[in-house]
Amino acid sequence: MWENAKFLQAITKNFVAVLALGLCLVVAPSAETANKSGYRLNEVQSAHVSRITSYLNRISTLQARFIQTNPDGKTWEGTLSIKRPGNFRFEYDPPVPHTLISNGFWFIHVDRELKESNFLPLGQTPASFLLEKRVSFDKNVKVIGFRQNAGLIHLKIMNMESPDIGHVTLTFNERPLALQQWRMQDAQNKNTLITLQNTRIGIRLNPELFKFVEPEQEDQDQ
């Protein structure tokens, strides 16, 4: 039980932030406005961020395979499904027994091995405001770094109200513009990398993906 609680805490502080920061709508800050962090986008960078914003704003649904590289070097794979606003599902492939679900109201961690589930109000997680229809960098999410090289754009962002969750660096293919991966660095400088593969945008997703089913009931249904 204690190990399960520790996993949930880590997921809530780090992994949900990674997911939400990487895939929800953002509104670019103006080039005239400096972030509280002291970082200021120049005109060229601001234009790229605006282009990224337009790309993200067109995403209503997304599904992709992912590879998660953990701080210890181990890799987990699975399928990510998102239906905005408010809904996502991270389904890890066996033998990893975890599923993460947001249904617009709750953040739910399901441990299929222990047949346990843990609920947190979505409003108490970093995903709460990031899974809304619109999120603004003018509020508590800020751009703290920008780098462009080898056909890639790296955008570093941080929740300034919760700096203890670390920061996220989003990596986009420049042409055609597409989100490729994101890297979460926590307060202990430990990195978690999510790489997307076979990404599909704007597809029809089964609403059942975002409904919570008790693990025991799920076994019975199968």
Protein backbone atom coordinates (compact mmCIF):
# COMPACT_ATOMS: atom_id res chain seq x y z
CA MET A 1 0.00 0.00 0.00
CA TRP A 2 2.80 2.42 0.88
CA GLU A 3 4.62 1.72 -2.37
CA ASN A 4 1.37 2.31 -4.23
CA ALA A 5 0.86 5.63 -2.45
CA LYS A 6 4.41 6.71 -3.31
CA PHE A 7 3.81 5.84 -6.96
CA LEU A 8 0.62 7.89 -7.00
CA GLN A 9 2.35 10.86 -5.40
CA ALA A 10 5.16 10.76 -7.94
CA ILE A 11 2.72 10.44 -10.81
CA THR A 12 0.66 13.35 -9.56
CA LYS A 13 3.59 15.73 -9.10
CA ASN A 14 5.60 14.77 -12.16
CA PHE A 15 3.96 12.61 -14.76
CA VAL A 16 0.62 14.38 -14.99
CA ALA A 17 2.51 17.62 -15.36
CA VAL A 18 4.49 16.10 -18.22
CA LEU A 19 1.39 14.92 -20.01
CA ALA A 20 -0.67 18.02 -19.52
CA LEU A 21 2.09 20.51 -20.26
CA GLY A 22 3.01 18.64 -23.38
CA LEU A 23 -0.35 18.16 -25.01
CA CYS A 24 -2.88 20.79 -23.94
CA LEU A 25 -3.72 24.08 -25.56
CA VAL A 26 -1.51 27.03 -24.87
CA VAL A 27 -1.66 30.69 -25.75
CA ALA A 28 1.68 32.26 -26.62
CA PRO A 29 2.93 35.25 -24.66
CA SER A 30 3.58 38.45 -26.57
CA ALA A 31 7.15 39.28 -27.54
CA GLU A 32 6.85 42.46 -25.49
CA THR A 33 6.20 40.68 -22.22
CA ALA A 34 9.01 39.20 -20.15
CA ASN A 35 8.27 36.13 -18.04
CA LYS A 36 8.59 36.29 -14.29
CA SER A 37 11.50 33.92 -14.73
CA GLY A 38 13.37 36.69 -16.55
CA TYR A 39 13.33 34.90 -19.92
CA ARG A 40 12.16 36.97 -22.88
CA LEU A 41 11.28 35.63 -26.32
CA ASN A 42 12.66 37.55 -29.26
CA GLU A 43 10.50 38.18 -32.33
CA VAL A 44 11.66 35.08 -34.20
CA GLN A 45 11.14 32.83 -31.18
CA SER A 46 7.76 34.36 -30.48
CA ALA A 47 6.70 33.63 -34.07
CA HIS A 48 7.68 29.98 -33.64
CA VAL A 49 5.78 29.75 -30.34
CA SER A 50 2.72 31.27 -32.01
CA ARG A 51 2.98 28.64 -34.75
CA ILE A 52 3.25 25.91 -32.12
CA THR A 53 0.22 27.38 -30.37
CA SER A 54 -1.84 27.23 -33.56
CA TYR A 55 -0.79 23.62 -34.07
CA LEU A 56 -1.76 22.64 -30.54
CA ASN A 57 -5.02 24.55 -30.78
CA ARG A 58 -6.07 22.34 -33.66
CA ILE A 59 -5.76 19.21 -31.56
CA SER A 60 -9.12 17.99 -30.29
CA THR A 61 -8.20 14.31 -30.09
CA LEU A 62 -4.88 12.51 -30.24
CA GLN A 63 -3.75 8.93 -30.05
CA ALA A 64 -0.20 7.64 -30.20
CA ARG A 65 2.08 4.88 -29.11
CA PHE A 66 4.66 6.06 -26.58
CA ILE A 67 7.95 4.98 -25.11
CA GLN A 68 8.65 6.25 -21.60
CA THR A 69 12.27 6.27 -20.50
CA ASN A 70 12.44 6.48 -16.70
CA PRO A 71 15.22 8.04 -14.59
CA ASP A 72 16.65 4.56 -13.90
CA GLY A 73 16.97 3.90 -17.63
CA LYS A 74 14.10 1.41 -17.78
CA THR A 75 11.61 1.83 -20.60
CA TRP A 76 7.85 1.38 -20.53
CA GLU A 77 5.61 1.37 -23.58
CA GLY A 78 1.93 1.92 -24.10
CA THR A 79 -0.84 3.86 -25.80
CA LEU A 80 -1.81 7.44 -25.10
CA SER A 81 -5.32 8.74 -25.86
CA ILE A 82 -6.44 12.33 -25.37
CA LYS A 83 -9.81 13.99 -25.88
CA ARG A 84 -9.78 17.61 -24.91
CA PRO A 85 -10.84 19.23 -22.77
CA GLY A 86 -10.31 17.16 -19.67
CA ASN A 87 -9.82 13.57 -20.82
CA PHE A 88 -6.75 11.41 -21.21
CA ARG A 89 -5.73 7.80 -20.80
CA PHE A 90 -2.23 6.39 -20.43
CA GLU A 91 -2.47 2.63 -20.94
CA TYR A 92 0.82 0.87 -20.21
CA ASP A 93 1.62 -2.40 -21.92
CA PRO A 94 2.06 -5.50 -19.72
CA PRO A 95 3.87 -6.26 -17.52
CA VAL A 96 3.55 -2.66 -16.26
CA PRO A 97 0.26 -2.82 -14.33
CA HIS A 98 -0.63 0.88 -14.28
CA THR A 99 -3.32 2.86 -16.10
CA LEU A 100 -3.81 6.62 -15.68
CA ILE A 101 -7.16 8.18 -16.51
CA SER A 102 -8.62 11.67 -16.41
CA ASN A 103 -12.37 11.83 -17.02
CA GLY A 104 -12.72 15.59 -16.65
CA PHE A 105 -13.44 15.41 -12.92
CA TRP A 106 -10.99 12.92 -11.42
CA PHE A 107 -7.39 11.90 -11.90
CA ILE A 108 -7.41 8.13 -11.41
CA HIS A 109 -4.50 5.76 -10.98
CA VAL A 110 -5.41 2.10 -11.52
CA ASP A 111 -3.05 -0.66 -10.40
CA ARG A 112 -4.22 -3.81 -12.16
CA GLU A 113 -1.80 -6.02 -10.28
CA LEU A 114 -3.01 -4.95 -6.83
CA LYS A 115 -6.57 -4.47 -8.11
CA GLU A 116 -6.59 -1.03 -6.49
CA SER A 117 -7.49 2.42 -7.69
CA ASN A 118 -6.72 5.86 -6.27
CA PHE A 119 -8.69 9.04 -6.94
CA LEU A 120 -7.68 12.66 -6.71
CA PRO A 121 -9.89 15.60 -7.66
CA LEU A 122 -8.53 16.84 -10.95
CA GLY A 123 -8.42 20.34 -9.47
CA GLN A 124 -5.78 19.18 -7.00
CA THR A 125 -3.37 18.05 -9.70
CA PRO A 126 -1.16 20.03 -12.08
CA ALA A 127 -3.41 18.76 -14.88
CA SER A 128 -6.43 20.74 -13.69
CA PHE A 129 -5.95 24.01 -15.50
CA LEU A 130 -3.90 22.49 -18.31
CA LEU A 131 -6.74 20.22 -19.39
CA GLU A 132 -9.14 23.12 -19.75
CA LYS A 133 -10.12 24.41 -23.16
CA ARG A 134 -7.54 27.17 -23.01
CA VAL A 135 -4.44 27.77 -20.94
CA SER A 136 -2.43 30.94 -21.03
CA PHE A 137 1.30 31.43 -20.59
CA ASP A 138 0.33 34.83 -19.23
CA LYS A 139 -0.80 33.20 -16.00
CA ASN A 140 1.16 30.56 -14.12
CA VAL A 141 2.70 28.56 -17.00
CA LYS A 142 5.73 30.31 -18.45
CA VAL A 143 8.23 29.78 -21.25
CA ILE A 144 11.64 29.64 -19.60
CA GLY A 145 13.76 28.55 -22.54
CA PHE A 146 13.80 28.20 -26.32
CA ARG A 147 16.26 26.37 -28.56
CA GLN A 148 16.20 25.61 -32.28
CA ASN A 149 18.61 23.29 -34.06
CA ALA A 150 18.79 20.47 -36.62
CA GLY A 151 15.17 20.95 -37.70
CA LEU A 152 13.86 20.70 -34.15
CA ILE A 153 12.35 23.25 -31.77
CA HIS A 154 12.81 22.74 -28.03
CA LEU A 155 10.44 24.73 -25.82
CA LYS A 156 11.09 24.70 -22.08
CA ILE A 157 8.11 25.54 -19.86
CA MET A 158 7.40 25.67 -16.14
CA ASN A 159 4.46 26.04 -13.80
CA MET A 160 5.64 29.08 -11.85
CA GLU A 161 3.15 28.45 -9.02
CA SER A 162 4.47 24.90 -8.51
CA PRO A 163 8.18 25.04 -9.34
CA ASP A 164 8.77 21.93 -7.22
CA ILE A 165 7.40 19.77 -10.04
CA GLY A 166 10.37 20.76 -12.18
CA HIS A 167 10.17 21.79 -15.82
CA VAL A 168 9.20 20.27 -19.14
CA THR A 169 11.02 20.56 -22.46
CA LEU A 170 8.77 19.94 -25.46
CA THR A 171 10.45 18.89 -28.71
CA PHE A 172 8.75 19.58 -32.02
CA ASN A 173 9.71 18.64 -35.54
CA GLU A 174 9.91 22.02 -37.28
CA ARG A 175 8.64 21.06 -40.75
CA PRO A 176 6.06 19.67 -40.79
CA LEU A 177 5.33 20.88 -37.29
CA ALA A 178 4.64 17.95 -34.97
CA LEU A 179 5.17 17.12 -31.33
CA GLN A 180 7.80 14.39 -31.08
CA GLN A 181 8.64 14.07 -27.40
CA TRP A 182 8.83 15.78 -24.06
CA ARG A 183 11.28 15.54 -21.22
CA MET A 184 10.40 16.18 -17.58
CA GLN A 185 13.19 17.20 -15.21
CA ASP A 186 12.12 17.16 -11.58
CA ALA A 187 13.51 19.12 -8.66
CA GLN A 188 16.13 16.39 -8.11
CA ASN A 189 17.30 16.73 -11.75
CA LYS A 190 15.90 13.32 -12.62
CA ASN A 191 14.63 13.03 -16.18
CA THR A 192 11.65 11.19 -17.63
CA LEU A 193 11.40 11.13 -21.41
CA ILE A 194 8.21 10.46 -23.40
CA THR A 195 8.62 9.77 -27.12
CA LEU A 196 5.55 9.57 -29.36
CA GLN A 197 5.22 7.23 -32.31
CA ASN A 198 2.53 6.82 -34.99
CA THR A 199 0.66 9.90 -33.73
CA ARG A 200 -2.85 10.39 -35.09
CA ILE A 201 -4.73 13.65 -34.57
CA GLY A 202 -8.42 14.42 -34.97
CA ILE A 203 -9.55 10.80 -34.94
CA ARG A 204 -12.73 9.48 -33.38
CA LEU A 205 -12.05 8.00 -29.95
CA ASN A 206 -14.32 5.65 -28.05
CA PRO A 207 -15.75 7.53 -25.02
CA GLU A 208 -15.34 4.31 -23.02
CA LEU A 209 -11.59 4.95 -22.98
CA PHE A 210 -12.10 7.70 -20.41
CA LYS A 211 -14.54 5.87 -18.18
CA PHE A 212 -13.25 4.32 -14.99
CA VAL A 213 -13.85 0.60 -14.47
CA GLU A 214 -12.95 -1.09 -11.20
CA PRO A 215 -10.04 -3.50 -11.82
CA GLU A 216 -12.01 -6.51 -10.51
CA GLN A 217 -14.95 -5.68 -12.72
CA GLU A 218 -12.63 -5.30 -15.67
CA ASP A 219 -11.33 -8.83 -15.08
CA GLN A 220 -14.88 -10.16 -14.95
CA ASP A 221 -15.77 -8.40 -18.19
CA GLN A 222 -12.84 -10.07 -19.92
